[in-house]
């Protein structure tokens, strides 16, 4: 799987988990748990809007997730700009070669055994020379993320507290996993190879030619693959998504506050999220405010376009 696709899937998974932690989800007022399969749920209430996003994420339906989480105008712009964003970065023949080689390696018959044989010496070397450093590395990463959370201007004090607790639980999980365990590594490789085969992308040109709908399907496959890799190491995103319950705490006009409870690493977590109603549907307050800010900036730029620099004087 390409680095860009894996990064995209990882970010989507994290974004979904944050949403599950209270930034973009809601449930029915009876606090029913999220079912494992996607169900058509109206988004006319705050809790139902969050449940819709959770169910789409549970089903690896990225288009459904974006449709539930973003205002129609914002989603329309994403679709309009899709090709431009997908092809804006230039690629070289070397980029094309590396991508093709990587996908060929991941999808070839017997790829799983070949890849493990190639990396086994590195795993043994790490166990011998680097494993003792893992606790320190995890602790450093934990401290960095905790610092970022505390400095965030987008999180309330309660959200910071819950996010910090989740980071601590994640670090504890990481400390207890031997990531180089042969059985686990083989399981992860098998999941990655299967995902690469399911993506069925042989070249970067094919990636850049994807339509929005095709891209969303591929992103869903990549996200599903990432879930499988994490599950090998005992981290089930779907289990956390299935545990989400949402309660509307208050509604005042077009603003609402919801309480989200969920389980992660076998621990209970609770947080609150603010939502706003736009065109009869509920969305995360931060997403709406960010979209409004982008619209205002675009309007200001259109009204006052940057001056064209003068042409260089002829010599």
C-alpha atoms as a PDB file:
ATOM      1  CA  UNK A   1       0.000   0.000   0.000  1.00  0.00           C
ATOM      2  CA  UNK A   2       1.418   3.424  -0.871  1.00  0.00           C
ATOM      3  CA  UNK A   3       2.581   5.719   1.888  1.00  0.00           C
ATOM      4  CA  UNK A   4       0.081   8.387   0.870  1.00  0.00           C
ATOM      5  CA  UNK A   5      -2.846   5.964   0.930  1.00  0.00           C
ATOM      6  CA  UNK A   6      -1.793   4.546   4.296  1.00  0.00           C
ATOM      7  CA  UNK A   7      -1.423   8.073   5.698  1.00  0.00           C
ATOM      8  CA  UNK A   8      -4.858   8.998   4.337  1.00  0.00           C
ATOM      9  CA  UNK A   9      -6.425   5.932   5.917  1.00  0.00           C
ATOM     10  CA  UNK A  10      -4.678   6.546   9.223  1.00  0.00           C
ATOM     11  CA  UNK A  11      -5.859  10.155   9.341  1.00  0.00           C
ATOM     12  CA  UNK A  12      -9.389   9.076   8.532  1.00  0.00           C
ATOM     13  CA  UNK A  13      -9.298   6.513  11.305  1.00  0.00           C
ATOM     14  CA  UNK A  14      -8.008   9.036  13.806  1.00  0.00           C
ATOM     15  CA  UNK A  15     -10.522  11.608  12.662  1.00  0.00           C
ATOM     16  CA  UNK A  16     -13.273   9.071  13.123  1.00  0.00           C
ATOM     17  CA  UNK A  17     -12.046   8.172  16.584  1.00  0.00           C
ATOM     18  CA  UNK A  18     -11.991  11.841  17.553  1.00  0.00           C
ATOM     19  CA  UNK A  19     -15.491  12.125  16.183  1.00  0.00           C
ATOM     20  CA  UNK A  20     -16.435   9.089  18.234  1.00  0.00           C
ATOM     21  CA  UNK A  21     -14.986  10.872  21.222  1.00  0.00           C
ATOM     22  CA  UNK A  22     -17.459  13.664  20.851  1.00  0.00           C
ATOM     23  CA  UNK A  23     -16.612  16.035  18.015  1.00  0.00           C
ATOM     24  CA  UNK A  24     -18.996  14.969  15.299  1.00  0.00           C
ATOM     25  CA  UNK A  25     -21.463  12.310  16.503  1.00  0.00           C
ATOM     26  CA  UNK A  26     -24.877  11.819  18.030  1.00  0.00           C
ATOM     27  CA  UNK A  27     -27.247   9.009  19.013  1.00  0.00           C
ATOM     28  CA  UNK A  28     -30.948   8.514  19.541  1.00  0.00           C
ATOM     29  CA  UNK A  29     -32.371  10.034  22.687  1.00  0.00           C
ATOM     30  CA  UNK A  30     -32.919   6.599  24.157  1.00  0.00           C
ATOM     31  CA  UNK A  31     -29.109   6.124  24.340  1.00  0.00           C
ATOM     32  CA  UNK A  32     -29.139   2.986  22.226  1.00  0.00           C
ATOM     33  CA  UNK A  33     -25.710   1.630  21.297  1.00  0.00           C
ATOM     34  CA  UNK A  34     -24.458   1.931  17.720  1.00  0.00           C
ATOM     35  CA  UNK A  35     -25.229  -1.212  15.702  1.00  0.00           C
ATOM     36  CA  UNK A  36     -22.473  -2.969  13.818  1.00  0.00           C
ATOM     37  CA  UNK A  37     -24.015  -2.459  10.375  1.00  0.00           C
ATOM     38  CA  UNK A  38     -24.871   0.844   8.674  1.00  0.00           C
ATOM     39  CA  UNK A  39     -28.510   1.829   8.888  1.00  0.00           C
ATOM     40  CA  UNK A  40     -30.279   4.744   7.244  1.00  0.00           C
ATOM     41  CA  UNK A  41     -30.689   7.208  10.103  1.00  0.00           C
ATOM     42  CA  UNK A  42     -32.248  10.670   9.827  1.00  0.00           C
ATOM     43  CA  UNK A  43     -30.001  13.585  10.771  1.00  0.00           C
ATOM     44  CA  UNK A  44     -32.787  15.884  11.983  1.00  0.00           C
ATOM     45  CA  UNK A  45     -31.736  15.517  15.630  1.00  0.00           C
ATOM     46  CA  UNK A  46     -28.285  16.080  17.140  1.00  0.00           C
ATOM     47  CA  UNK A  47     -27.895  12.519  18.390  1.00  0.00           C
ATOM     48  CA  UNK A  48     -29.101  10.985  15.124  1.00  0.00           C
ATOM     49  CA  UNK A  49     -26.631  13.091  13.145  1.00  0.00           C
ATOM     50  CA  UNK A  50     -23.726  11.754  15.174  1.00  0.00           C
ATOM     51  CA  UNK A  51     -24.981   8.188  14.892  1.00  0.00           C
ATOM     52  CA  UNK A  52     -25.101   8.517  11.119  1.00  0.00           C
ATOM     53  CA  UNK A  53     -21.448   9.556  10.990  1.00  0.00           C
ATOM     54  CA  UNK A  54     -20.448   6.757  13.365  1.00  0.00           C
ATOM     55  CA  UNK A  55     -22.275   4.130  11.336  1.00  0.00           C
ATOM     56  CA  UNK A  56     -20.686   5.306   8.119  1.00  0.00           C
ATOM     57  CA  UNK A  57     -17.250   5.120   9.712  1.00  0.00           C
ATOM     58  CA  UNK A  58     -18.059   1.680  11.088  1.00  0.00           C
ATOM     59  CA  UNK A  59     -18.922   0.562   7.552  1.00  0.00           C
ATOM     60  CA  UNK A  60     -15.781   2.198   6.067  1.00  0.00           C
ATOM     61  CA  UNK A  61     -18.109   4.396   4.008  1.00  0.00           C
ATOM     62  CA  UNK A  62     -15.979   7.524   3.646  1.00  0.00           C
ATOM     63  CA  UNK A  63     -18.392   9.297   1.316  1.00  0.00           C
ATOM     64  CA  UNK A  64     -21.218   8.622   3.768  1.00  0.00           C
ATOM     65  CA  UNK A  65     -19.069   9.911   6.614  1.00  0.00           C
ATOM     66  CA  UNK A  66     -18.264  13.155   4.796  1.00  0.00           C
ATOM     67  CA  UNK A  67     -21.897  13.565   3.768  1.00  0.00           C
ATOM     68  CA  UNK A  68     -22.978  13.244   7.393  1.00  0.00           C
ATOM     69  CA  UNK A  69     -20.207  15.411   8.833  1.00  0.00           C
ATOM     70  CA  UNK A  70     -20.003  18.286   6.332  1.00  0.00           C
ATOM     71  CA  UNK A  71     -22.545  20.844   5.080  1.00  0.00           C
ATOM     72  CA  UNK A  72     -23.775  20.192   1.546  1.00  0.00           C
ATOM     73  CA  UNK A  73     -21.985  23.244   0.146  1.00  0.00           C
ATOM     74  CA  UNK A  74     -18.663  22.188   1.634  1.00  0.00           C
ATOM     75  CA  UNK A  75     -19.011  18.626   0.342  1.00  0.00           C
ATOM     76  CA  UNK A  76     -19.921  19.974  -3.110  1.00  0.00           C
ATOM     77  CA  UNK A  77     -16.724  22.036  -3.149  1.00  0.00           C
ATOM     78  CA  UNK A  78     -14.659  19.002  -2.183  1.00  0.00           C
ATOM     79  CA  UNK A  79     -16.164  17.088  -5.096  1.00  0.00           C
ATOM     80  CA  UNK A  80     -15.618  20.001  -7.477  1.00  0.00           C
ATOM     81  CA  UNK A  81     -11.977  20.395  -6.435  1.00  0.00           C
ATOM     82  CA  UNK A  82     -11.291  16.652  -6.251  1.00  0.00           C
ATOM     83  CA  UNK A  83      -9.317  16.224  -9.459  1.00  0.00           C
ATOM     84  CA  UNK A  84      -7.392  19.441  -8.908  1.00  0.00           C
ATOM     85  CA  UNK A  85      -6.280  18.381  -5.425  1.00  0.00           C
ATOM     86  CA  UNK A  86      -5.490  14.839  -6.529  1.00  0.00           C
ATOM     87  CA  UNK A  87      -3.189  15.998  -9.325  1.00  0.00           C
ATOM     88  CA  UNK A  88      -1.727  19.243  -7.969  1.00  0.00           C
ATOM     89  CA  UNK A  89       1.552  17.697  -6.782  1.00  0.00           C
ATOM     90  CA  UNK A  90       3.870  16.770  -9.662  1.00  0.00           C
ATOM     91  CA  UNK A  91       5.110  13.199  -9.860  1.00  0.00           C
ATOM     92  CA  UNK A  92       8.272  11.915 -11.470  1.00  0.00           C
ATOM     93  CA  UNK A  93       9.090   8.745 -13.345  1.00  0.00           C
ATOM     94  CA  UNK A  94      10.918   7.634 -10.186  1.00  0.00           C
ATOM     95  CA  UNK A  95       7.720   8.123  -8.159  1.00  0.00           C
ATOM     96  CA  UNK A  96       5.844   6.022 -10.682  1.00  0.00           C
ATOM     97  CA  UNK A  97       8.467   3.292 -10.594  1.00  0.00           C
ATOM     98  CA  UNK A  98       8.540   3.113  -6.789  1.00  0.00           C
ATOM     99  CA  UNK A  99       4.753   2.937  -6.553  1.00  0.00           C
ATOM    100  CA  UNK A 100       4.513   0.207  -9.182  1.00  0.00           C
ATOM    101  CA  UNK A 101       7.298  -1.785  -7.528  1.00  0.00           C
ATOM    102  CA  UNK A 102       5.666  -1.497  -4.110  1.00  0.00           C
ATOM    103  CA  UNK A 103       2.246  -2.586  -5.330  1.00  0.00           C
ATOM    104  CA  UNK A 104       3.770  -5.461  -7.285  1.00  0.00           C
ATOM    105  CA  UNK A 105       5.652  -6.578  -4.177  1.00  0.00           C
ATOM    106  CA  UNK A 106       2.524  -6.441  -2.013  1.00  0.00           C
ATOM    107  CA  UNK A 107       0.208  -8.200  -4.448  1.00  0.00           C
ATOM    108  CA  UNK A 108       2.458 -10.906  -5.904  1.00  0.00           C
ATOM    109  CA  UNK A 109       1.626 -14.570  -5.162  1.00  0.00           C
ATOM    110  CA  UNK A 110       3.268 -15.539  -1.899  1.00  0.00           C
ATOM    111  CA  UNK A 111       3.989 -11.891  -1.069  1.00  0.00           C
ATOM    112  CA  UNK A 112       3.301 -12.436   2.615  1.00  0.00           C
ATOM    113  CA  UNK A 113       6.063 -15.009   3.100  1.00  0.00           C
ATOM    114  CA  UNK A 114       8.533 -13.097   0.935  1.00  0.00           C
ATOM    115  CA  UNK A 115       8.011  -9.816   2.780  1.00  0.00           C
ATOM    116  CA  UNK A 116       8.340 -11.461   6.179  1.00  0.00           C
ATOM    117  CA  UNK A 117      11.537 -13.207   5.111  1.00  0.00           C
ATOM    118  CA  UNK A 118      12.932  -9.865   3.956  1.00  0.00           C
ATOM    119  CA  UNK A 119      12.202  -8.029   7.205  1.00  0.00           C
ATOM    120  CA  UNK A 120      12.835 -10.858   9.677  1.00  0.00           C
ATOM    121  CA  UNK A 121      16.531  -9.970  10.106  1.00  0.00           C
ATOM    122  CA  UNK A 122      15.556  -6.362  10.859  1.00  0.00           C
ATOM    123  CA  UNK A 123      13.021  -7.498  13.442  1.00  0.00           C
ATOM    124  CA  UNK A 124      15.600  -9.656  15.184  1.00  0.00           C
ATOM    125  CA  UNK A 125      18.097  -6.814  15.128  1.00  0.00           C
ATOM    126  CA  UNK A 126      15.563  -4.456  16.643  1.00  0.00           C
ATOM    127  CA  UNK A 127      14.690  -6.970  19.365  1.00  0.00           C
ATOM    128  CA  UNK A 128      18.371  -7.215  20.200  1.00  0.00           C
ATOM    129  CA  UNK A 129      19.386  -3.573  19.937  1.00  0.00           C
ATOM    130  CA  UNK A 130      16.326  -1.324  20.038  1.00  0.00           C
ATOM    131  CA  UNK A 131      13.554  -2.974  22.031  1.00  0.00           C
ATOM    132  CA  UNK A 132      14.871  -1.564  25.301  1.00  0.00           C
ATOM    133  CA  UNK A 133      14.359   1.948  23.909  1.00  0.00           C
ATOM    134  CA  UNK A 134      10.677   1.424  23.086  1.00  0.00           C
ATOM    135  CA  UNK A 135       9.287   2.459  26.507  1.00  0.00           C
ATOM    136  CA  UNK A 136      11.249   5.708  26.328  1.00  0.00           C
ATOM    137  CA  UNK A 137      10.153   6.371  22.745  1.00  0.00           C
ATOM    138  CA  UNK A 138       6.503   5.740  23.634  1.00  0.00           C
ATOM    139  CA  UNK A 139       6.776   7.996  26.677  1.00  0.00           C
ATOM    140  CA  UNK A 140       8.303  10.770  24.565  1.00  0.00           C
ATOM    141  CA  UNK A 141       5.517  10.481  22.015  1.00  0.00           C
ATOM    142  CA  UNK A 142       2.958  10.465  24.791  1.00  0.00           C
ATOM    143  CA  UNK A 143       4.417  13.646  26.249  1.00  0.00           C
ATOM    144  CA  UNK A 144       4.452  15.384  22.875  1.00  0.00           C
ATOM    145  CA  UNK A 145       0.802  14.572  22.178  1.00  0.00           C
ATOM    146  CA  UNK A 146      -0.233  15.554  25.702  1.00  0.00           C
ATOM    147  CA  UNK A 147       1.481  18.910  25.269  1.00  0.00           C
ATOM    148  CA  UNK A 148      -0.299  19.479  21.950  1.00  0.00           C
ATOM    149  CA  UNK A 149      -3.642  18.699  23.577  1.00  0.00           C
ATOM    150  CA  UNK A 150      -3.091  21.154  26.404  1.00  0.00           C
ATOM    151  CA  UNK A 151      -2.087  23.876  23.966  1.00  0.00           C
ATOM    152  CA  UNK A 152      -5.077  23.315  21.698  1.00  0.00           C
ATOM    153  CA  UNK A 153      -7.464  26.235  21.329  1.00  0.00           C
ATOM    154  CA  UNK A 154     -10.175  24.057  19.794  1.00  0.00           C
ATOM    155  CA  UNK A 155     -10.751  21.810  22.836  1.00  0.00           C
ATOM    156  CA  UNK A 156     -12.625  22.653  26.007  1.00  0.00           C
ATOM    157  CA  UNK A 157     -11.090  21.855  29.377  1.00  0.00           C
ATOM    158  CA  UNK A 158     -13.250  18.748  29.647  1.00  0.00           C
ATOM    159  CA  UNK A 159     -12.300  17.619  26.139  1.00  0.00           C
ATOM    160  CA  UNK A 160      -8.627  18.133  26.981  1.00  0.00           C
ATOM    161  CA  UNK A 161      -9.067  16.006  30.089  1.00  0.00           C
ATOM    162  CA  UNK A 162     -10.735  13.186  28.176  1.00  0.00           C
ATOM    163  CA  UNK A 163      -8.260  13.390  25.289  1.00  0.00           C
ATOM    164  CA  UNK A 164      -5.359  13.220  27.728  1.00  0.00           C
ATOM    165  CA  UNK A 165      -6.880  10.149  29.362  1.00  0.00           C
ATOM    166  CA  UNK A 166      -7.263   8.512  25.957  1.00  0.00           C
ATOM    167  CA  UNK A 167      -3.627   9.233  25.114  1.00  0.00           C
ATOM    168  CA  UNK A 168      -2.553   7.685  28.425  1.00  0.00           C
ATOM    169  CA  UNK A 169      -4.608   4.585  27.677  1.00  0.00           C
ATOM    170  CA  UNK A 170      -3.104   4.386  24.178  1.00  0.00           C
ATOM    171  CA  UNK A 171       0.411   4.613  25.587  1.00  0.00           C
ATOM    172  CA  UNK A 172      -0.361   1.897  28.126  1.00  0.00           C
ATOM    173  CA  UNK A 173      -1.627  -0.341  25.331  1.00  0.00           C
ATOM    174  CA  UNK A 174       1.492   0.334  23.238  1.00  0.00           C
ATOM    175  CA  UNK A 175       3.733  -0.476  26.192  1.00  0.00           C
ATOM    176  CA  UNK A 176       2.099  -3.887  26.486  1.00  0.00           C
ATOM    177  CA  UNK A 177       2.398  -4.919  22.829  1.00  0.00           C
ATOM    178  CA  UNK A 178       5.448  -6.588  21.320  1.00  0.00           C
ATOM    179  CA  UNK A 179       5.168  -5.153  17.835  1.00  0.00           C
ATOM    180  CA  UNK A 180       7.932  -7.420  16.525  1.00  0.00           C
ATOM    181  CA  UNK A 181       6.251 -10.648  17.608  1.00  0.00           C
ATOM    182  CA  UNK A 182       6.494 -12.935  14.528  1.00  0.00           C
ATOM    183  CA  UNK A 183       2.852 -14.019  14.670  1.00  0.00           C
ATOM    184  CA  UNK A 184       1.642 -10.423  14.938  1.00  0.00           C
ATOM    185  CA  UNK A 185       3.940  -9.168  12.195  1.00  0.00           C
ATOM    186  CA  UNK A 186       2.773 -11.943   9.869  1.00  0.00           C
ATOM    187  CA  UNK A 187      -0.840 -11.074  10.641  1.00  0.00           C
ATOM    188  CA  UNK A 188      -0.207  -7.409   9.887  1.00  0.00           C
ATOM    189  CA  UNK A 189       1.588  -8.223   6.645  1.00  0.00           C
ATOM    190  CA  UNK A 190      -1.285 -10.462   5.563  1.00  0.00           C
ATOM    191  CA  UNK A 191      -3.772  -7.631   6.195  1.00  0.00           C
ATOM    192  CA  UNK A 192      -1.640  -5.129   4.270  1.00  0.00           C
ATOM    193  CA  UNK A 193      -1.193  -7.465   1.292  1.00  0.00           C
ATOM    194  CA  UNK A 194      -4.913  -8.220   1.175  1.00  0.00           C
ATOM    195  CA  UNK A 195      -5.690  -4.520   1.252  1.00  0.00           C
ATOM    196  CA  UNK A 196      -3.239  -3.826  -1.562  1.00  0.00           C
ATOM    197  CA  UNK A 197      -4.889  -6.522  -3.672  1.00  0.00           C
ATOM    198  CA  UNK A 198      -8.345  -5.154  -2.897  1.00  0.00           C
ATOM    199  CA  UNK A 199      -7.246  -1.623  -3.859  1.00  0.00           C
ATOM    200  CA  UNK A 200      -6.204  -2.957  -7.270  1.00  0.00           C
ATOM    201  CA  UNK A 201      -4.112   0.094  -8.134  1.00  0.00           C
ATOM    202  CA  UNK A 202      -1.092  -0.720 -10.237  1.00  0.00           C
ATOM    203  CA  UNK A 203       0.199   2.754 -11.037  1.00  0.00           C
ATOM    204  CA  UNK A 204       0.197   6.334  -9.790  1.00  0.00           C
ATOM    205  CA  UNK A 205      -1.507   7.327 -13.022  1.00  0.00           C
ATOM    206  CA  UNK A 206      -4.445   5.123 -12.027  1.00  0.00           C
ATOM    207  CA  UNK A 207      -4.555   6.830  -8.624  1.00  0.00           C
ATOM    208  CA  UNK A 208      -4.588  10.308 -10.137  1.00  0.00           C
ATOM    209  CA  UNK A 209      -7.327   9.303 -12.596  1.00  0.00           C
ATOM    210  CA  UNK A 210      -9.767   8.241  -9.867  1.00  0.00           C
ATOM    211  CA  UNK A 211     -13.088  10.041  -9.773  1.00  0.00           C
ATOM    212  CA  UNK A 212     -14.410  11.279  -6.437  1.00  0.00           C
ATOM    213  CA  UNK A 213     -16.690   8.268  -6.037  1.00  0.00           C
ATOM    214  CA  UNK A 214     -13.902   5.869  -6.983  1.00  0.00           C
ATOM    215  CA  UNK A 215     -11.543   7.621  -4.592  1.00  0.00           C
ATOM    216  CA  UNK A 216     -14.000   7.294  -1.734  1.00  0.00           C
ATOM    217  CA  UNK A 217     -14.346   3.565  -2.391  1.00  0.00           C
ATOM    218  CA  UNK A 218     -10.567   3.130  -2.403  1.00  0.00           C
ATOM    219  CA  UNK A 219     -10.243   5.189   0.776  1.00  0.00           C
ATOM    220  CA  UNK A 220     -12.809   2.935   2.433  1.00  0.00           C
ATOM    221  CA  UNK A 221     -10.788  -0.127   1.451  1.00  0.00           C
ATOM    222  CA  UNK A 222      -7.618   1.479   2.846  1.00  0.00           C
ATOM    223  CA  UNK A 223      -9.378   2.372   6.093  1.00  0.00           C
ATOM    224  CA  UNK A 224     -10.673  -1.178   6.426  1.00  0.00           C
ATOM    225  CA  UNK A 225      -7.143  -2.453   5.930  1.00  0.00           C
ATOM    226  CA  UNK A 226      -5.801  -0.147   8.602  1.00  0.00           C
ATOM    227  CA  UNK A 227      -8.476  -1.390  11.006  1.00  0.00           C
ATOM    228  CA  UNK A 228      -7.383  -4.970  10.310  1.00  0.00           C
ATOM    229  CA  UNK A 229      -3.723  -4.150  10.992  1.00  0.00           C
ATOM    230  CA  UNK A 230      -4.575  -2.430  14.283  1.00  0.00           C
ATOM    231  CA  UNK A 231      -6.843  -5.315  15.260  1.00  0.00           C
ATOM    232  CA  UNK A 232      -3.920  -7.724  14.861  1.00  0.00           C
ATOM    233  CA  UNK A 233      -2.205  -5.791  17.632  1.00  0.00           C
ATOM    234  CA  UNK A 234      -5.300  -5.796  19.835  1.00  0.00           C
ATOM    235  CA  UNK A 235      -6.693  -2.369  18.971  1.00  0.00           C
ATOM    236  CA  UNK A 236     -10.211  -2.583  17.529  1.00  0.00           C
ATOM    237  CA  UNK A 237     -11.551   0.722  16.236  1.00  0.00           C
ATOM    238  CA  UNK A 238     -14.819  -0.963  15.305  1.00  0.00           C
ATOM    239  CA  UNK A 239     -15.280  -2.191  18.871  1.00  0.00           C
ATOM    240  CA  UNK A 240     -14.931   1.378  20.112  1.00  0.00           C
ATOM    241  CA  UNK A 241     -17.346   2.620  17.454  1.00  0.00           C
ATOM    242  CA  UNK A 242     -19.873  -0.045  18.420  1.00  0.00           C
ATOM    243  CA  UNK A 243     -19.700   1.093  22.037  1.00  0.00           C
ATOM    244  CA  UNK A 244     -20.667   4.712  21.355  1.00  0.00           C
ATOM    245  CA  UNK A 245     -23.778   6.065  23.012  1.00  0.00           C
ATOM    246  CA  UNK A 246     -24.997   9.635  22.658  1.00  0.00           C
ATOM    247  CA  UNK A 247     -27.415  11.760  24.630  1.00  0.00           C
ATOM    248  CA  UNK A 248     -28.639  15.226  23.722  1.00  0.00           C
ATOM    249  CA  UNK A 249     -27.981  17.307  26.817  1.00  0.00           C
ATOM    250  CA  UNK A 250     -29.587  20.554  25.657  1.00  0.00           C
ATOM    251  CA  UNK A 251     -30.992  22.248  22.563  1.00  0.00           C
ATOM    252  CA  UNK A 252     -31.344  26.011  22.201  1.00  0.00           C
ATOM    253  CA  UNK A 253     -32.522  27.141  18.801  1.00  0.00           C
ATOM    254  CA  UNK A 254     -29.970  26.001  16.250  1.00  0.00           C
ATOM    255  CA  UNK A 255     -27.377  25.016  18.870  1.00  0.00           C
ATOM    256  CA  UNK A 256     -27.140  21.769  20.800  1.00  0.00           C
ATOM    257  CA  UNK A 257     -24.847  20.054  23.258  1.00  0.00           C
ATOM    258  CA  UNK A 258     -24.506  16.283  23.348  1.00  0.00           C
ATOM    259  CA  UNK A 259     -22.784  13.842  25.679  1.00  0.00           C
ATOM    260  CA  UNK A 260     -20.869  10.998  24.081  1.00  0.00           C
ATOM    261  CA  UNK A 261     -19.805   7.885  25.968  1.00  0.00           C
ATOM    262  CA  UNK A 262     -17.661   5.121  24.522  1.00  0.00           C
ATOM    263  CA  UNK A 263     -15.132   2.466  25.434  1.00  0.00           C
ATOM    264  CA  UNK A 264     -11.520   2.264  24.341  1.00  0.00           C
ATOM    265  CA  UNK A 265      -8.823  -0.061  25.636  1.00  0.00           C
ATOM    266  CA  UNK A 266     -11.536  -1.570  27.848  1.00  0.00           C
ATOM    267  CA  UNK A 267     -11.972   1.753  29.644  1.00  0.00           C
ATOM    268  CA  UNK A 268     -15.030   4.021  29.647  1.00  0.00           C
ATOM    269  CA  UNK A 269     -14.743   7.589  28.357  1.00  0.00           C
ATOM    270  CA  UNK A 270     -17.204  10.480  28.285  1.00  0.00           C
ATOM    271  CA  UNK A 271     -17.044  13.839  26.549  1.00  0.00           C
ATOM    272  CA  UNK A 272     -19.336  16.586  25.304  1.00  0.00           C
ATOM    273  CA  UNK A 273     -19.672  18.129  21.859  1.00  0.00           C
ATOM    274  CA  UNK A 274     -21.367  21.254  20.499  1.00  0.00           C
ATOM    275  CA  UNK A 275     -23.410  21.105  17.305  1.00  0.00           C
ATOM    276  CA  UNK A 276     -25.092  23.636  15.037  1.00  0.00           C
ATOM    277  CA  UNK A 277     -28.083  23.218  12.747  1.00  0.00           C
ATOM    278  CA  UNK A 278     -27.582  24.246   9.120  1.00  0.00           C
ATOM    279  CA  UNK A 279     -30.322  23.805   6.519  1.00  0.00           C
ATOM    280  CA  UNK A 280     -32.224  21.476   8.816  1.00  0.00           C
ATOM    281  CA  UNK A 281     -29.274  19.191   9.631  1.00  0.00           C
ATOM    282  CA  UNK A 282     -26.881  19.059  12.565  1.00  0.00           C
ATOM    283  CA  UNK A 283     -23.124  19.307  12.229  1.00  0.00           C
ATOM    284  CA  UNK A 284     -20.151  19.725  14.545  1.00  0.00           C
ATOM    285  CA  UNK A 285     -19.782  23.354  15.589  1.00  0.00           C
ATOM    286  CA  UNK A 286     -16.080  23.448  14.807  1.00  0.00           C
ATOM    287  CA  UNK A 287     -16.638  22.081  11.291  1.00  0.00           C
ATOM    288  CA  UNK A 288     -19.269  24.743  10.598  1.00  0.00           C
ATOM    289  CA  UNK A 289     -17.144  27.569  11.972  1.00  0.00           C
ATOM    290  CA  UNK A 290     -14.137  26.403   9.964  1.00  0.00           C
ATOM    291  CA  UNK A 291     -16.233  26.278   6.791  1.00  0.00           C
ATOM    292  CA  UNK A 292     -17.657  29.746   7.443  1.00  0.00           C
ATOM    293  CA  UNK A 293     -14.151  31.100   7.975  1.00  0.00           C
ATOM    294  CA  UNK A 294     -12.955  29.559   4.714  1.00  0.00           C
ATOM    295  CA  UNK A 295     -15.928  31.046   2.886  1.00  0.00           C
ATOM    296  CA  UNK A 296     -15.241  34.499   4.328  1.00  0.00           C
ATOM    297  CA  UNK A 297     -11.581  34.275   3.334  1.00  0.00           C
ATOM    298  CA  UNK A 298     -12.486  33.159  -0.196  1.00  0.00           C
ATOM    299  CA  UNK A 299     -14.953  36.048  -0.525  1.00  0.00           C
ATOM    300  CA  UNK A 300     -12.357  38.536   0.708  1.00  0.00           C
ATOM    301  CA  UNK A 301      -9.790  37.222  -1.757  1.00  0.00           C
ATOM    302  CA  UNK A 302     -12.280  37.435  -4.620  1.00  0.00           C
ATOM    303  CA  UNK A 303     -13.149  41.021  -3.676  1.00  0.00           C
ATOM    304  CA  UNK A 304      -9.493  42.021  -3.332  1.00  0.00           C
ATOM    305  CA  UNK A 305      -7.406  39.770  -5.582  1.00  0.00           C
ATOM    306  CA  UNK A 306      -3.642  40.008  -5.124  1.00  0.00           C
ATOM    307  CA  UNK A 307      -1.955  42.452  -7.443  1.00  0.00           C
ATOM    308  CA  UNK A 308      -0.233  40.954 -10.438  1.00  0.00           C
ATOM    309  CA  UNK A 309       3.503  41.565 -10.135  1.00  0.00           C
ATOM    310  CA  UNK A 310       4.916  43.785 -12.878  1.00  0.00           C
ATOM    311  CA  UNK A 311       6.697  42.106 -15.732  1.00  0.00           C
ATOM    312  CA  UNK A 312      10.494  42.298 -15.582  1.00  0.00           C
ATOM    313  CA  UNK A 313      11.959  45.195 -17.532  1.00  0.00           C
ATOM    314  CA  UNK A 314      13.388  44.320 -20.912  1.00  0.00           C
ATOM    315  CA  UNK A 315      17.169  44.363 -21.079  1.00  0.00           C
END
